[in-house]
């Protein structure tokens, strides 16, 4: 009788442990058990994306408004093309908005910072699905900055 009780307790403890590990994996992967929310896709070209990855955050003032959906190489000029899924509840960004690849901390994870542009009263244009953001700033690569500091700027010659 006592051994059966111990077996049930050990089994429930193991199930609880597996559930906790599953929840931790979902939290780390930033996934949800349910479906994804409505979003629209924007595109931006960069010269250098550094260590940006698919599913990296897109933030406005620290608030996550979307995720990087896809990173590909544009066939016309061989520059990185980033597809961004923006949550549908943030659908009023002006067409003069800009994006930059930023880093959390000194050596942290890279994300896209979206800066809303000015609102022109004459034109009521907002970014719609499949629009391209023209004003972009590429990632700053730490190795390039160290090289410029150590060896001077080669552009001055």
N, C-alpha and C. Protein backbone atom coordinates (compact mmCIF):
# COMPACT_ATOMS: atom_id res chain seq x y z
N UNK A 1 0.82 -1.20 0.00
CA UNK A 1 0.00 0.00 0.00
C UNK A 1 0.86 1.26 0.00
N UNK A 2 1.89 1.27 0.87
CA UNK A 2 2.76 2.44 0.96
C UNK A 2 3.58 2.57 -0.33
N UNK A 3 4.04 1.45 -0.89
CA UNK A 3 4.84 1.53 -2.13
C UNK A 3 4.00 2.04 -3.30
N UNK A 4 2.75 1.69 -3.35
CA UNK A 4 1.85 2.20 -4.41
C UNK A 4 1.68 3.71 -4.27
N UNK A 5 1.56 4.18 -3.05
CA UNK A 5 1.42 5.61 -2.79
C UNK A 5 2.68 6.36 -3.22
N UNK A 6 3.83 5.79 -2.94
CA UNK A 6 5.10 6.40 -3.33
C UNK A 6 5.23 6.43 -4.85
N UNK A 7 4.81 5.34 -5.51
CA UNK A 7 4.87 5.31 -6.98
C UNK A 7 3.99 6.38 -7.60
N UNK A 8 2.82 6.59 -7.05
CA UNK A 8 1.92 7.61 -7.57
C UNK A 8 2.51 9.01 -7.34
N UNK A 9 3.08 9.23 -6.17
CA UNK A 9 3.72 10.53 -5.88
C UNK A 9 4.90 10.78 -6.81
N UNK A 10 5.74 9.77 -7.03
CA UNK A 10 6.90 9.92 -7.92
C UNK A 10 6.44 10.18 -9.35
N UNK A 11 5.41 9.44 -9.80
CA UNK A 11 4.88 9.64 -11.14
C UNK A 11 4.30 11.03 -11.33
N UNK A 12 3.54 11.51 -10.36
CA UNK A 12 2.99 12.87 -10.48
C UNK A 12 4.08 13.93 -10.41
N UNK A 13 5.11 13.68 -9.61
CA UNK A 13 6.24 14.61 -9.56
C UNK A 13 6.95 14.67 -10.91
N UNK A 14 7.13 13.52 -11.56
CA UNK A 14 7.77 13.50 -12.88
C UNK A 14 6.90 14.22 -13.92
N UNK A 15 5.59 14.00 -13.89
CA UNK A 15 4.70 14.70 -14.82
C UNK A 15 4.75 16.21 -14.60
N UNK A 16 4.78 16.63 -13.36
CA UNK A 16 4.88 18.05 -13.05
C UNK A 16 6.21 18.62 -13.55
N UNK A 17 7.28 17.83 -13.41
CA UNK A 17 8.59 18.26 -13.91
C UNK A 17 8.61 18.40 -15.43
N UNK A 18 8.02 17.44 -16.13
CA UNK A 18 7.94 17.53 -17.60
C UNK A 18 7.10 18.71 -18.05
N UNK A 19 6.00 18.97 -17.34
CA UNK A 19 5.16 20.13 -17.68
C UNK A 19 5.93 21.43 -17.46
N UNK A 20 6.71 21.50 -16.38
CA UNK A 20 7.51 22.70 -16.12
C UNK A 20 8.57 22.90 -17.20
N UNK A 21 9.21 21.83 -17.63
CA UNK A 21 10.22 21.93 -18.69
C UNK A 21 9.57 22.38 -20.00
N UNK A 22 8.39 21.84 -20.32
CA UNK A 22 7.67 22.26 -21.52
C UNK A 22 7.32 23.74 -21.47
N UNK A 23 6.82 24.21 -20.35
CA UNK A 23 6.48 25.63 -20.19
C UNK A 23 7.73 26.50 -20.33
N UNK A 24 8.86 26.05 -19.78
CA UNK A 24 10.10 26.80 -19.90
C UNK A 24 10.57 26.86 -21.34
N UNK A 25 10.45 25.75 -22.07
CA UNK A 25 10.84 25.75 -23.48
C UNK A 25 9.96 26.70 -24.29
N UNK A 26 8.67 26.70 -24.03
CA UNK A 26 7.78 27.62 -24.75
C UNK A 26 8.09 29.07 -24.41
N UNK A 27 8.42 29.34 -23.16
CA UNK A 27 8.74 30.71 -22.75
C UNK A 27 10.04 31.18 -23.40
N UNK A 28 11.05 30.31 -23.44
CA UNK A 28 12.33 30.68 -24.05
C UNK A 28 12.16 30.89 -25.55
N UNK A 29 11.37 30.05 -26.20
CA UNK A 29 11.15 30.17 -27.64
C UNK A 29 10.15 31.28 -27.96
N UNK A 30 9.56 31.87 -26.92
CA UNK A 30 8.57 32.94 -27.06
C UNK A 30 7.42 32.48 -27.94
N UNK A 31 7.01 31.26 -27.75
CA UNK A 31 5.90 30.70 -28.49
C UNK A 31 4.67 30.64 -27.59
N UNK A 32 3.54 30.41 -28.23
CA UNK A 32 2.30 30.28 -27.50
C UNK A 32 1.61 29.01 -27.96
N UNK A 33 0.79 28.44 -27.08
CA UNK A 33 0.07 27.24 -27.46
C UNK A 33 -1.03 27.55 -28.46
N UNK A 34 -1.62 28.74 -28.38
CA UNK A 34 -2.70 29.13 -29.27
C UNK A 34 -2.17 29.62 -30.60
N UNK A 35 -3.08 30.08 -31.44
CA UNK A 35 -2.71 30.60 -32.75
C UNK A 35 -2.08 31.97 -32.64
N UNK A 36 -1.52 32.44 -33.72
CA UNK A 36 -0.88 33.75 -33.71
C UNK A 36 -1.93 34.83 -33.95
N UNK A 37 -1.61 36.03 -33.49
CA UNK A 37 -2.56 37.13 -33.67
C UNK A 37 -2.42 37.71 -35.07
N UNK A 38 -3.39 38.53 -35.46
CA UNK A 38 -3.38 39.14 -36.78
C UNK A 38 -2.20 40.09 -36.90
N UNK A 39 -1.60 40.09 -38.08
CA UNK A 39 -0.45 40.97 -38.32
C UNK A 39 -0.41 41.34 -39.80
N UNK A 40 0.41 42.34 -40.10
CA UNK A 40 0.65 42.70 -41.49
C UNK A 40 2.15 42.76 -41.69
N UNK A 41 2.59 42.56 -42.93
CA UNK A 41 4.01 42.42 -43.24
C UNK A 41 4.56 43.68 -43.88
N UNK A 42 5.73 44.09 -43.38
CA UNK A 42 6.50 45.20 -43.95
C UNK A 42 7.87 44.68 -44.34
N UNK A 43 8.53 45.38 -45.25
CA UNK A 43 9.85 44.98 -45.72
C UNK A 43 10.83 46.13 -45.57
N UNK A 44 12.11 45.79 -45.36
CA UNK A 44 13.17 46.79 -45.28
C UNK A 44 14.47 46.16 -45.77
N UNK A 45 15.25 46.96 -46.53
CA UNK A 45 16.56 46.52 -47.01
C UNK A 45 17.64 47.16 -46.15
N UNK A 46 18.66 46.37 -45.82
CA UNK A 46 19.78 46.85 -45.02
C UNK A 46 21.09 46.54 -45.75
N UNK A 47 22.15 47.28 -45.42
CA UNK A 47 23.47 46.95 -45.95
C UNK A 47 24.07 45.77 -45.20
N UNK A 48 23.85 45.74 -43.87
CA UNK A 48 24.41 44.69 -43.02
C UNK A 48 23.42 44.42 -41.90
N UNK A 49 23.02 43.16 -41.73
CA UNK A 49 22.08 42.85 -40.66
C UNK A 49 22.76 42.31 -39.42
N UNK A 50 24.08 42.14 -39.44
CA UNK A 50 24.81 41.66 -38.27
C UNK A 50 24.31 40.30 -37.83
N UNK A 51 23.92 40.19 -36.56
CA UNK A 51 23.45 38.92 -36.00
C UNK A 51 21.95 38.85 -35.86
N UNK A 52 21.23 39.63 -36.65
CA UNK A 52 19.76 39.61 -36.58
C UNK A 52 19.25 38.24 -37.01
N UNK A 53 18.24 37.74 -36.30
CA UNK A 53 17.71 36.42 -36.58
C UNK A 53 16.21 36.49 -36.81
N UNK A 54 15.69 35.45 -37.45
CA UNK A 54 14.24 35.31 -37.58
C UNK A 54 13.66 35.18 -36.17
N UNK A 55 12.52 35.79 -35.93
CA UNK A 55 11.82 35.87 -34.65
C UNK A 55 12.42 36.89 -33.70
N UNK A 56 13.40 37.69 -34.16
CA UNK A 56 13.89 38.79 -33.33
C UNK A 56 12.78 39.82 -33.16
N UNK A 57 12.82 40.54 -32.07
CA UNK A 57 11.76 41.49 -31.75
C UNK A 57 11.87 42.75 -32.60
N UNK A 58 10.72 43.37 -32.83
CA UNK A 58 10.63 44.70 -33.43
C UNK A 58 10.02 45.58 -32.35
N UNK A 59 10.77 46.60 -31.94
CA UNK A 59 10.35 47.41 -30.80
C UNK A 59 10.19 48.87 -31.18
N UNK A 60 9.23 49.50 -30.53
CA UNK A 60 9.05 50.95 -30.60
C UNK A 60 9.14 51.45 -29.17
N UNK A 61 10.22 52.14 -28.84
CA UNK A 61 10.40 52.65 -27.49
C UNK A 61 10.42 51.56 -26.44
N UNK A 62 10.91 50.39 -26.75
CA UNK A 62 10.99 49.28 -25.81
C UNK A 62 9.78 48.36 -25.82
N UNK A 63 8.72 48.75 -26.51
CA UNK A 63 7.50 47.92 -26.59
C UNK A 63 7.57 47.04 -27.83
N UNK A 64 7.40 45.75 -27.66
CA UNK A 64 7.45 44.81 -28.79
C UNK A 64 6.16 44.96 -29.59
N UNK A 65 6.31 45.33 -30.87
CA UNK A 65 5.16 45.50 -31.76
C UNK A 65 5.12 44.46 -32.87
N UNK A 66 6.15 43.62 -32.95
CA UNK A 66 6.18 42.62 -33.99
C UNK A 66 7.42 41.75 -33.90
N UNK A 67 7.59 40.91 -34.90
CA UNK A 67 8.72 39.98 -34.98
C UNK A 67 9.26 39.93 -36.40
N UNK A 68 10.54 39.61 -36.53
CA UNK A 68 11.14 39.40 -37.85
C UNK A 68 10.61 38.08 -38.39
N UNK A 69 10.00 38.12 -39.57
CA UNK A 69 9.38 36.92 -40.16
C UNK A 69 10.34 36.15 -41.05
N UNK A 70 11.17 36.88 -41.81
CA UNK A 70 12.04 36.21 -42.77
C UNK A 70 13.21 37.13 -43.11
N UNK A 71 14.35 36.52 -43.37
CA UNK A 71 15.53 37.25 -43.82
C UNK A 71 15.99 36.57 -45.10
N UNK A 72 16.10 37.35 -46.18
CA UNK A 72 16.52 36.78 -47.46
C UNK A 72 17.47 37.76 -48.14
N UNK A 73 17.98 37.34 -49.28
CA UNK A 73 18.88 38.18 -50.06
C UNK A 73 18.14 38.65 -51.30
N UNK A 74 18.10 39.96 -51.50
CA UNK A 74 17.42 40.51 -52.66
C UNK A 74 18.22 40.17 -53.90
N UNK A 75 17.58 39.60 -54.91
CA UNK A 75 18.27 39.16 -56.12
C UNK A 75 18.75 40.30 -57.00
N UNK A 76 18.15 41.48 -56.88
CA UNK A 76 18.53 42.58 -57.78
C UNK A 76 19.84 43.24 -57.36
N UNK A 77 20.03 43.50 -56.07
CA UNK A 77 21.27 44.18 -55.64
C UNK A 77 22.02 43.43 -54.54
N UNK A 78 21.60 42.21 -54.24
CA UNK A 78 22.27 41.33 -53.28
C UNK A 78 22.42 41.95 -51.90
N UNK A 79 21.41 42.68 -51.47
CA UNK A 79 21.41 43.23 -50.12
C UNK A 79 20.38 42.46 -49.28
N UNK A 80 20.61 42.38 -47.97
CA UNK A 80 19.66 41.65 -47.11
C UNK A 80 18.29 42.32 -47.09
N UNK A 81 17.25 41.52 -47.26
CA UNK A 81 15.87 41.98 -47.23
C UNK A 81 15.20 41.33 -46.02
N UNK A 82 14.68 42.16 -45.13
CA UNK A 82 14.07 41.67 -43.89
C UNK A 82 12.55 41.85 -43.99
N UNK A 83 11.82 40.76 -43.78
CA UNK A 83 10.36 40.81 -43.73
C UNK A 83 9.95 40.86 -42.27
N UNK A 84 9.09 41.82 -41.94
CA UNK A 84 8.69 42.05 -40.55
C UNK A 84 7.19 41.90 -40.41
N UNK A 85 6.75 41.10 -39.45
CA UNK A 85 5.33 40.97 -39.15
C UNK A 85 5.01 41.90 -37.98
N UNK A 86 4.17 42.90 -38.24
CA UNK A 86 3.77 43.88 -37.24
C UNK A 86 2.35 43.54 -36.79
N UNK A 87 2.12 43.60 -35.50
CA UNK A 87 0.79 43.31 -34.96
C UNK A 87 -0.24 44.27 -35.55
N UNK A 88 -1.41 43.74 -35.88
CA UNK A 88 -2.47 44.52 -36.54
C UNK A 88 -2.98 45.65 -35.65
N UNK A 89 -2.82 45.54 -34.33
CA UNK A 89 -3.29 46.63 -33.47
C UNK A 89 -2.38 47.85 -33.54
N UNK A 90 -1.19 47.71 -34.15
CA UNK A 90 -0.28 48.85 -34.38
C UNK A 90 -0.26 49.15 -35.87
N UNK A 91 -1.35 49.63 -36.42
CA UNK A 91 -1.46 49.81 -37.86
C UNK A 91 -1.48 51.27 -38.28
N UNK A 92 -0.98 52.17 -37.44
CA UNK A 92 -1.03 53.60 -37.76
C UNK A 92 0.35 54.24 -37.87
N UNK A 93 1.39 53.46 -38.20
CA UNK A 93 2.72 54.04 -38.35
C UNK A 93 2.78 54.86 -39.63
N UNK A 94 3.27 56.10 -39.56
CA UNK A 94 3.37 56.93 -40.77
C UNK A 94 4.34 56.33 -41.77
N UNK A 95 4.17 56.66 -43.03
CA UNK A 95 5.05 56.13 -44.07
C UNK A 95 6.46 56.72 -43.99
N UNK A 96 6.65 57.75 -43.18
CA UNK A 96 7.97 58.35 -43.00
C UNK A 96 8.74 57.70 -41.86
N UNK A 97 8.26 56.57 -41.36
CA UNK A 97 8.93 55.87 -40.25
C UNK A 97 10.26 55.29 -40.72
N UNK A 98 11.15 55.03 -39.76
CA UNK A 98 12.45 54.45 -40.09
C UNK A 98 12.72 53.26 -39.18
N UNK A 99 13.62 52.39 -39.62
CA UNK A 99 14.00 51.22 -38.84
C UNK A 99 15.52 51.16 -38.73
N UNK A 100 16.00 50.64 -37.60
CA UNK A 100 17.42 50.47 -37.36
C UNK A 100 17.63 49.15 -36.64
N UNK A 101 18.75 48.51 -36.90
CA UNK A 101 19.10 47.29 -36.18
C UNK A 101 19.91 47.71 -34.95
N UNK A 102 19.37 47.41 -33.78
CA UNK A 102 19.97 47.82 -32.52
C UNK A 102 20.37 46.59 -31.72
N UNK A 103 21.15 46.81 -30.66
CA UNK A 103 21.62 45.73 -29.80
C UNK A 103 21.21 46.00 -28.37
N UNK A 104 20.71 44.98 -27.68
CA UNK A 104 20.38 45.10 -26.26
C UNK A 104 21.68 44.99 -25.47
N UNK A 105 22.13 46.07 -24.90
CA UNK A 105 23.38 46.06 -24.16
C UNK A 105 24.57 46.05 -25.09
N UNK A 106 25.76 45.80 -24.53
CA UNK A 106 26.99 45.85 -25.32
C UNK A 106 27.12 44.65 -26.25
N UNK A 107 26.87 43.47 -25.73
CA UNK A 107 27.01 42.25 -26.53
C UNK A 107 25.71 41.46 -26.58
N UNK A 108 24.59 42.13 -26.42
CA UNK A 108 23.31 41.44 -26.33
C UNK A 108 22.72 41.06 -27.67
N UNK A 109 21.48 40.62 -27.60
CA UNK A 109 20.74 40.18 -28.77
C UNK A 109 20.34 41.37 -29.63
N UNK A 110 20.34 41.19 -30.93
CA UNK A 110 19.97 42.28 -31.83
C UNK A 110 18.48 42.24 -32.11
N UNK A 111 17.91 43.43 -32.29
CA UNK A 111 16.49 43.58 -32.58
C UNK A 111 16.33 44.76 -33.52
N UNK A 112 15.12 44.94 -34.05
CA UNK A 112 14.85 46.07 -34.94
C UNK A 112 14.11 47.13 -34.15
N UNK A 113 14.65 48.34 -34.18
CA UNK A 113 13.99 49.48 -33.55
C UNK A 113 13.26 50.27 -34.61
N UNK A 114 11.96 50.40 -34.46
CA UNK A 114 11.14 51.15 -35.42
C UNK A 114 10.85 52.53 -34.81
N UNK A 115 11.21 53.57 -35.54
CA UNK A 115 10.97 54.93 -35.09
C UNK A 115 9.86 55.53 -35.94
N UNK A 116 8.73 55.86 -35.30
CA UNK A 116 7.63 56.45 -36.08
C UNK A 116 8.05 57.79 -36.66
N UNK A 117 7.67 58.04 -37.89
CA UNK A 117 8.00 59.29 -38.56
C UNK A 117 7.00 60.38 -38.22
N UNK A 118 7.18 61.50 -38.86
CA UNK A 118 6.28 62.62 -38.64
C UNK A 118 4.98 62.41 -39.41
N UNK A 119 3.93 63.00 -38.89
CA UNK A 119 2.62 62.91 -39.54
C UNK A 119 2.42 64.18 -40.35
N UNK A 120 2.26 64.02 -41.65
CA UNK A 120 2.04 65.15 -42.54
C UNK A 120 0.54 65.39 -42.65
N UNK A 121 0.10 66.61 -42.29
CA UNK A 121 -1.32 66.90 -42.33
C UNK A 121 -1.87 66.92 -43.76
N UNK A 122 -1.02 67.26 -44.73
CA UNK A 122 -1.48 67.29 -46.12
C UNK A 122 -1.72 65.88 -46.67
N UNK A 123 -0.87 64.96 -46.23
CA UNK A 123 -0.99 63.57 -46.69
C UNK A 123 -1.31 62.69 -45.50
N UNK A 124 -2.25 61.83 -45.67
CA UNK A 124 -2.63 60.90 -44.61
C UNK A 124 -2.16 59.50 -45.01
N UNK A 125 -0.83 59.30 -45.06
CA UNK A 125 -0.30 58.02 -45.50
C UNK A 125 0.28 57.26 -44.32
N UNK A 126 -0.16 56.03 -44.18
CA UNK A 126 0.37 55.13 -43.16
C UNK A 126 0.93 53.91 -43.86
N UNK A 127 1.78 53.18 -43.18
CA UNK A 127 2.34 51.96 -43.74
C UNK A 127 1.27 50.89 -43.82
N UNK A 128 1.10 50.34 -44.98
CA UNK A 128 0.12 49.28 -45.22
C UNK A 128 0.86 47.96 -45.43
N UNK A 129 0.11 46.88 -45.54
CA UNK A 129 0.69 45.56 -45.76
C UNK A 129 1.53 45.54 -47.04
N UNK A 130 2.68 44.90 -46.98
CA UNK A 130 3.63 44.72 -48.08
C UNK A 130 4.33 46.01 -48.50
N UNK A 131 4.28 47.07 -47.69
CA UNK A 131 5.04 48.29 -47.97
C UNK A 131 6.50 48.09 -47.62
N UNK A 132 7.36 48.88 -48.26
CA UNK A 132 8.80 48.87 -47.99
C UNK A 132 9.17 50.14 -47.22
N UNK A 133 9.92 49.96 -46.14
CA UNK A 133 10.44 51.10 -45.39
C UNK A 133 11.79 51.46 -46.00
N UNK A 134 11.89 52.69 -46.48
CA UNK A 134 13.10 53.11 -47.20
C UNK A 134 14.21 53.59 -46.26
N UNK A 135 13.85 54.23 -45.16
CA UNK A 135 14.83 54.82 -44.25
C UNK A 135 15.30 53.75 -43.27
N UNK A 136 16.49 53.17 -43.53
CA UNK A 136 17.02 52.10 -42.69
C UNK A 136 18.43 52.44 -42.22
N UNK A 137 18.79 51.89 -41.07
CA UNK A 137 20.15 52.00 -40.53
C UNK A 137 20.62 50.60 -40.20
N UNK A 138 21.76 50.22 -40.75
CA UNK A 138 22.27 48.86 -40.59
C UNK A 138 22.86 48.65 -39.21
N UNK A 139 23.17 47.38 -38.93
CA UNK A 139 23.75 47.00 -37.64
C UNK A 139 25.18 47.51 -37.54
N UNK A 140 25.55 47.88 -36.34
CA UNK A 140 26.95 48.25 -36.08
C UNK A 140 27.67 46.98 -35.64
N UNK A 141 28.69 46.58 -36.39
CA UNK A 141 29.42 45.36 -36.10
C UNK A 141 30.57 45.71 -35.17
N UNK A 142 30.63 45.04 -34.02
CA UNK A 142 31.61 45.35 -32.99
C UNK A 142 33.04 45.20 -33.51
N UNK A 143 33.28 44.20 -34.33
CA UNK A 143 34.63 43.98 -34.87
C UNK A 143 35.07 45.15 -35.75
N UNK A 144 34.13 45.70 -36.54
CA UNK A 144 34.46 46.85 -37.38
C UNK A 144 34.77 48.08 -36.53
N UNK A 145 34.01 48.29 -35.47
CA UNK A 145 34.27 49.43 -34.59
C UNK A 145 35.63 49.32 -33.90
N UNK A 146 35.98 48.12 -33.45
CA UNK A 146 37.28 47.91 -32.81
C UNK A 146 38.39 48.13 -33.82
N UNK A 147 38.21 47.63 -35.05
CA UNK A 147 39.21 47.83 -36.10
C UNK A 147 39.40 49.30 -36.43
N UNK A 148 38.31 50.06 -36.49
CA UNK A 148 38.42 51.50 -36.75
C UNK A 148 39.14 52.21 -35.62
N UNK A 149 38.88 51.78 -34.40
CA UNK A 149 39.52 52.40 -33.25
C UNK A 149 41.02 52.09 -33.23
N UNK A 150 41.39 50.84 -33.50
CA UNK A 150 42.79 50.45 -33.45
C UNK A 150 43.61 50.96 -34.62
N UNK A 151 43.06 50.89 -35.81
CA UNK A 151 43.84 51.19 -37.01
C UNK A 151 43.45 52.50 -37.67
N UNK A 152 42.56 53.23 -37.08
CA UNK A 152 42.12 54.49 -37.67
C UNK A 152 41.10 54.26 -38.76
N UNK A 153 40.44 55.30 -39.17
CA UNK A 153 39.42 55.22 -40.20
C UNK A 153 40.06 55.23 -41.57
N UNK A 154 39.81 54.19 -42.35
CA UNK A 154 40.44 54.09 -43.69
C UNK A 154 39.77 55.03 -44.68
N UNK A 155 38.63 55.62 -44.34
CA UNK A 155 37.93 56.53 -45.26
C UNK A 155 38.58 57.91 -45.32
N UNK A 156 39.48 58.22 -44.37
CA UNK A 156 40.08 59.56 -44.32
C UNK A 156 41.17 59.76 -45.36
N UNK A 157 41.67 58.70 -45.97
CA UNK A 157 42.78 58.82 -46.93
C UNK A 157 42.34 59.44 -48.22
